[in-house]
Amino acid sequence: MSALVLIPSHVVVPVGGGLSVRTIRVVVTINDVAYQVDRPLLMVGRNVALSPDVSVQGAVVGFHMDRWCVIAFGDTAGAGVQLPRYLGDQVVAARMARDFEGDPRIGWDSPEVEIEAWCVRWIETHRGGEVTAP
């Protein structure tokens, strides 16, 4: 093992005048049983986190460290919304997250079609390593 990277499944975010512990869960189905699994989360801004793609193969839940999504977090409008693209590099995903947060023309509460168009333009401009839509 060359490294140990700890990725929490919860984050503490400022809300109003206090703090709140937050998590995002994904529902996976194995053998006709639905499980709620906490997603690993890496905060990359006050209101934005990265999370690896989650998949199920047989009875195994997998976290793909080569496919990252951007998720709104905290007390922002649209909290829990995920950008509609996975990126193959964590650093590129963090850059996309920060650019999205910093762009006054788009927001987490924008219509899905506008968010999708923003992501496509960003990827075309940055050659961001798009993998696929969720």
Protein backbone atom coordinates (compact mmCIF):
# COMPACT_ATOMS: atom_id res chain seq x y z
CA MET A 1 0.00 0.00 0.00
CA SER A 2 1.48 3.33 -1.03
CA ALA A 3 -1.12 5.59 0.62
CA LEU A 4 -4.08 5.65 2.94
CA VAL A 5 -6.73 8.22 2.07
CA LEU A 6 -9.60 8.67 4.51
CA ILE A 7 -12.84 9.81 2.88
CA PRO A 8 -15.61 10.58 5.36
CA SER A 9 -19.25 9.83 4.68
CA HIS A 10 -20.42 12.92 6.53
CA VAL A 11 -19.42 16.56 6.63
CA VAL A 12 -19.97 19.40 9.07
CA VAL A 13 -21.28 22.51 7.35
CA PRO A 14 -22.17 25.98 8.64
CA VAL A 15 -25.93 26.54 8.58
CA GLY A 16 -27.36 29.80 9.81
CA GLY A 17 -25.48 30.63 13.00
CA GLY A 18 -24.51 27.04 13.80
CA LEU A 19 -23.20 23.80 12.40
CA SER A 20 -24.95 20.79 10.91
CA VAL A 21 -23.72 17.25 10.26
CA ARG A 22 -24.79 16.16 6.78
CA THR A 23 -24.57 13.04 4.66
CA ILE A 24 -25.88 11.93 1.29
CA ARG A 25 -27.16 8.41 0.89
CA VAL A 26 -27.59 6.33 -2.21
CA VAL A 27 -30.04 3.43 -2.38
CA VAL A 28 -28.61 0.20 -3.79
CA THR A 29 -30.53 -3.03 -4.32
CA ILE A 30 -28.95 -6.42 -3.70
CA ASN A 31 -31.02 -9.61 -3.98
CA ASP A 32 -34.30 -7.65 -3.88
CA VAL A 33 -33.28 -5.85 -0.67
CA ALA A 34 -32.78 -2.07 -0.78
CA TYR A 35 -29.95 -0.64 1.30
CA GLN A 36 -29.21 3.01 2.06
CA VAL A 37 -25.46 3.53 1.85
CA ASP A 38 -23.70 6.74 2.88
CA ARG A 39 -21.71 8.18 -0.02
CA PRO A 40 -18.07 9.08 0.60
CA LEU A 41 -17.77 12.88 0.45
CA LEU A 42 -14.84 15.22 -0.11
CA MET A 43 -15.70 18.86 0.50
CA VAL A 44 -14.07 21.11 -2.10
CA GLY A 45 -15.93 24.31 -1.27
CA ARG A 46 -18.32 25.74 1.28
CA ASN A 47 -21.35 24.23 -0.49
CA VAL A 48 -19.94 21.57 -2.79
CA ALA A 49 -18.55 18.05 -2.40
CA LEU A 50 -17.11 15.32 -4.62
CA SER A 51 -18.21 11.71 -4.40
CA PRO A 52 -17.07 8.60 -6.25
CA ASP A 53 -19.49 6.73 -8.48
CA VAL A 54 -21.35 3.91 -6.73
CA SER A 55 -22.23 0.63 -8.42
CA VAL A 56 -23.53 -2.82 -7.51
CA GLN A 57 -22.14 -6.05 -8.96
CA GLY A 58 -23.82 -9.11 -7.49
CA ALA A 59 -23.69 -8.67 -3.71
CA VAL A 60 -20.84 -6.13 -3.84
CA VAL A 61 -21.21 -2.34 -3.55
CA GLY A 62 -18.31 -0.58 -5.27
CA PHE A 63 -16.96 2.95 -5.03
CA HIS A 64 -15.17 3.95 -8.25
CA MET A 65 -12.25 6.22 -7.43
CA ASP A 66 -11.80 6.87 -11.15
CA ARG A 67 -15.29 8.39 -11.60
CA TRP A 68 -16.18 11.47 -9.54
CA CYS A 69 -19.39 13.49 -9.36
CA VAL A 70 -20.04 16.97 -8.00
CA ILE A 71 -22.84 17.39 -5.43
CA ALA A 72 -24.35 20.55 -3.91
CA PHE A 73 -24.15 20.65 -0.14
CA GLY A 74 -24.69 22.85 2.87
CA ASP A 75 -27.44 25.43 3.05
CA THR A 76 -27.30 26.32 -0.65
CA ALA A 77 -30.39 26.25 -2.85
CA GLY A 78 -30.50 22.89 -4.57
CA ALA A 79 -28.63 21.02 -1.81
CA GLY A 80 -28.32 17.36 -2.79
CA VAL A 81 -28.36 18.12 -6.52
CA GLN A 82 -25.67 16.28 -8.49
CA LEU A 83 -24.11 17.66 -11.66
CA PRO A 84 -25.09 15.33 -14.53
CA ARG A 85 -21.57 14.16 -15.42
CA TYR A 86 -18.89 11.97 -13.87
CA LEU A 87 -15.26 13.00 -14.35
CA GLY A 88 -12.36 10.59 -14.47
CA ASP A 89 -10.05 12.67 -12.30
CA GLN A 90 -10.68 14.01 -8.80
CA VAL A 91 -8.67 17.20 -9.41
CA VAL A 92 -10.60 17.96 -12.60
CA ALA A 93 -13.90 17.32 -10.78
CA ALA A 94 -12.85 19.77 -8.05
CA ARG A 95 -12.02 22.39 -10.69
CA MET A 96 -15.42 21.87 -12.32
CA ALA A 97 -17.14 22.19 -8.93
CA ARG A 98 -15.38 25.46 -8.13
CA ASP A 99 -16.07 26.87 -11.60
CA PHE A 100 -19.75 25.95 -11.31
CA GLU A 101 -20.00 27.57 -7.88
CA GLY A 102 -18.21 30.69 -9.14
CA ASP A 103 -20.25 31.20 -12.31
CA PRO A 104 -22.95 33.83 -11.69
CA ARG A 105 -24.89 32.66 -14.79
CA ILE A 106 -25.75 29.23 -13.31
CA GLY A 107 -26.77 27.84 -9.94
CA TRP A 108 -27.80 24.64 -8.20
CA ASP A 109 -31.43 25.66 -8.48
CA SER A 110 -31.20 26.28 -12.26
CA PRO A 111 -33.32 24.09 -14.55
CA GLU A 112 -31.77 20.67 -15.32
CA VAL A 113 -31.41 21.50 -19.01
CA GLU A 114 -29.33 24.60 -18.17
CA ILE A 115 -27.12 22.66 -15.76
CA GLU A 116 -26.61 19.96 -18.40
CA ALA A 117 -25.68 22.57 -21.03
CA TRP A 118 -23.24 24.24 -18.61
CA CYS A 119 -21.54 20.89 -17.94
CA VAL A 120 -21.24 20.09 -21.65
CA ARG A 121 -19.72 23.53 -22.37
CA TRP A 122 -17.33 23.20 -19.44
CA ILE A 123 -16.15 19.76 -20.54
CA GLU A 124 -15.72 20.90 -24.15
CA THR A 125 -13.72 23.92 -23.00
CA HIS A 126 -11.55 22.09 -20.47
CA ARG A 127 -11.43 18.62 -22.01
CA GLY A 128 -12.30 17.56 -18.49
CA GLY A 129 -12.17 13.80 -18.88
CA GLU A 130 -15.90 13.19 -19.07
CA VAL A 131 -16.80 9.58 -18.44
CA THR A 132 -20.57 9.34 -18.71
CA ALA A 133 -23.88 10.64 -17.48
CA PRO A 134 -25.16 9.13 -14.22
